[in-house]
Each structure stands twice: as structure tokens, then as C-alpha cells.
N, C-alpha and C. Protein backbone atom coordinates (compact mmCIF):
# COMPACT_ATOMS: atom_id res chain seq x y z
N UNK A 1 34.84 -36.90 -13.93
CA UNK A 1 35.39 -35.56 -13.67
C UNK A 1 35.32 -34.69 -14.92
N UNK A 2 34.58 -35.16 -15.91
CA UNK A 2 34.52 -34.39 -17.14
C UNK A 2 33.57 -33.21 -17.03
N UNK A 3 32.46 -33.38 -16.31
CA UNK A 3 31.49 -32.29 -16.20
C UNK A 3 31.72 -31.52 -14.90
N UNK A 4 31.39 -30.24 -14.95
CA UNK A 4 31.56 -29.41 -13.75
C UNK A 4 30.26 -29.43 -12.95
N UNK A 5 30.39 -29.50 -11.63
CA UNK A 5 29.21 -29.50 -10.78
C UNK A 5 28.69 -28.08 -10.60
N UNK A 6 29.60 -27.11 -10.61
CA UNK A 6 29.17 -25.71 -10.46
C UNK A 6 28.59 -25.19 -11.77
N UNK A 7 27.45 -24.52 -11.72
CA UNK A 7 26.89 -23.94 -12.94
C UNK A 7 27.68 -22.72 -13.37
N UNK A 8 27.41 -22.27 -14.58
CA UNK A 8 28.10 -21.07 -15.07
C UNK A 8 27.54 -19.83 -14.39
N UNK A 9 28.19 -18.71 -14.61
CA UNK A 9 27.76 -17.47 -13.95
C UNK A 9 26.35 -17.08 -14.39
N UNK A 10 26.05 -17.29 -15.68
CA UNK A 10 24.73 -16.91 -16.18
C UNK A 10 23.65 -17.78 -15.54
N UNK A 11 23.91 -19.08 -15.46
CA UNK A 11 22.93 -19.96 -14.84
C UNK A 11 22.82 -19.70 -13.35
N UNK A 12 23.90 -19.22 -12.75
CA UNK A 12 23.92 -19.03 -11.30
C UNK A 12 23.19 -17.75 -10.91
N UNK A 13 23.34 -16.69 -11.70
CA UNK A 13 22.83 -15.38 -11.28
C UNK A 13 21.52 -14.99 -11.96
N UNK A 14 21.17 -15.64 -13.06
CA UNK A 14 19.94 -15.27 -13.75
C UNK A 14 18.70 -15.52 -12.89
N UNK A 15 18.55 -16.68 -12.24
CA UNK A 15 17.35 -16.87 -11.40
C UNK A 15 17.30 -15.90 -10.23
N UNK A 16 18.44 -15.59 -9.64
CA UNK A 16 18.47 -14.66 -8.51
C UNK A 16 18.05 -13.26 -8.97
N UNK A 17 18.56 -12.83 -10.13
CA UNK A 17 18.19 -11.51 -10.65
C UNK A 17 16.71 -11.47 -11.01
N UNK A 18 16.21 -12.58 -11.56
CA UNK A 18 14.80 -12.64 -11.92
C UNK A 18 13.94 -12.56 -10.67
N UNK A 19 14.34 -13.30 -9.64
CA UNK A 19 13.59 -13.29 -8.38
C UNK A 19 13.64 -11.91 -7.74
N UNK A 20 14.82 -11.29 -7.79
CA UNK A 20 14.96 -9.95 -7.21
C UNK A 20 14.11 -8.94 -7.99
N UNK A 21 14.07 -9.09 -9.31
CA UNK A 21 13.25 -8.20 -10.13
C UNK A 21 11.77 -8.36 -9.83
N UNK A 22 11.33 -9.62 -9.68
CA UNK A 22 9.92 -9.87 -9.34
C UNK A 22 9.62 -9.28 -7.97
N UNK A 23 10.55 -9.44 -7.03
CA UNK A 23 10.35 -8.91 -5.68
C UNK A 23 10.25 -7.39 -5.70
N UNK A 24 11.14 -6.75 -6.46
CA UNK A 24 11.13 -5.29 -6.54
C UNK A 24 9.85 -4.79 -7.18
N UNK A 25 9.43 -5.45 -8.26
CA UNK A 25 8.21 -5.03 -8.96
C UNK A 25 6.98 -5.23 -8.07
N UNK A 26 6.95 -6.37 -7.36
CA UNK A 26 5.78 -6.63 -6.51
C UNK A 26 5.75 -5.66 -5.33
N UNK A 27 6.93 -5.38 -4.75
CA UNK A 27 6.95 -4.45 -3.63
C UNK A 27 6.62 -3.03 -4.11
N UNK A 28 7.07 -2.68 -5.32
CA UNK A 28 6.76 -1.36 -5.87
C UNK A 28 5.26 -1.24 -6.15
N UNK A 29 4.67 -2.32 -6.67
CA UNK A 29 3.23 -2.31 -6.90
C UNK A 29 2.47 -2.23 -5.59
N UNK A 30 2.98 -2.92 -4.57
CA UNK A 30 2.34 -2.87 -3.26
C UNK A 30 2.36 -1.46 -2.70
N UNK A 31 3.53 -0.81 -2.78
CA UNK A 31 3.64 0.56 -2.25
C UNK A 31 2.82 1.53 -3.09
N UNK A 32 2.75 1.30 -4.42
CA UNK A 32 1.96 2.19 -5.27
C UNK A 32 0.48 2.07 -4.92
N UNK A 33 0.01 0.85 -4.70
CA UNK A 33 -1.39 0.65 -4.31
C UNK A 33 -1.64 1.26 -2.94
N UNK A 34 -0.69 1.06 -2.02
CA UNK A 34 -0.85 1.58 -0.66
C UNK A 34 -0.90 3.11 -0.68
N UNK A 35 0.04 3.73 -1.40
CA UNK A 35 0.06 5.19 -1.46
C UNK A 35 -1.11 5.73 -2.26
N UNK A 36 -1.63 4.92 -3.19
CA UNK A 36 -2.78 5.37 -3.96
C UNK A 36 -4.07 5.28 -3.15
N UNK A 37 -4.17 4.27 -2.29
CA UNK A 37 -5.39 4.09 -1.50
C UNK A 37 -5.39 4.91 -0.22
N UNK A 38 -4.20 5.30 0.26
CA UNK A 38 -4.13 6.00 1.55
C UNK A 38 -4.90 7.32 1.53
N UNK A 39 -4.74 8.20 0.52
CA UNK A 39 -5.53 9.45 0.53
C UNK A 39 -7.03 9.18 0.44
N UNK A 40 -7.43 8.15 -0.32
CA UNK A 40 -8.85 7.81 -0.44
C UNK A 40 -9.40 7.37 0.91
N UNK A 41 -8.64 6.52 1.60
CA UNK A 41 -9.10 6.04 2.91
C UNK A 41 -9.15 7.18 3.91
N UNK A 42 -8.14 8.03 3.90
CA UNK A 42 -8.14 9.18 4.82
C UNK A 42 -9.29 10.12 4.50
N UNK A 43 -9.57 10.30 3.21
CA UNK A 43 -10.68 11.19 2.81
C UNK A 43 -12.02 10.62 3.26
N UNK A 44 -12.17 9.29 3.11
CA UNK A 44 -13.44 8.66 3.52
C UNK A 44 -13.59 8.71 5.06
N UNK A 45 -12.50 8.52 5.77
CA UNK A 45 -12.55 8.61 7.24
C UNK A 45 -12.87 10.04 7.66
N UNK A 46 -12.29 11.01 6.91
CA UNK A 46 -12.53 12.42 7.25
C UNK A 46 -13.99 12.79 6.95
N UNK A 47 -14.56 12.21 5.90
CA UNK A 47 -15.96 12.49 5.55
C UNK A 47 -16.91 11.85 6.55
N UNK A 48 -16.56 10.68 7.05
CA UNK A 48 -17.47 9.96 7.94
C UNK A 48 -17.63 10.68 9.26
């Protein structure tokens, strides 16, 4: 009973925050690429 089974707050929330940050960055990059390619695709469709 000397050691605690529950991790500390830093150990508990750091991986979740890191995962959330990676998710936000990846989704932001996805939307940036999508919004960046959408006018090009529409322009090419309009030209065709």
C-alpha cells in the first residue's frame, strides 16, 4: 500500500493534451489543405 495506483495529474493529463493537440493540428491541416485545394478544383472544373 506504499505506492499509489493512480498516476499524478501531470501523468494523467499530459498524454490526453498531447493527443488532443495532435488531433487539432491534423484536423486544421486537413481543413487548410481542403480549403486550399477547393478553389483550384472548382477552377479546373469550370475551365473543363
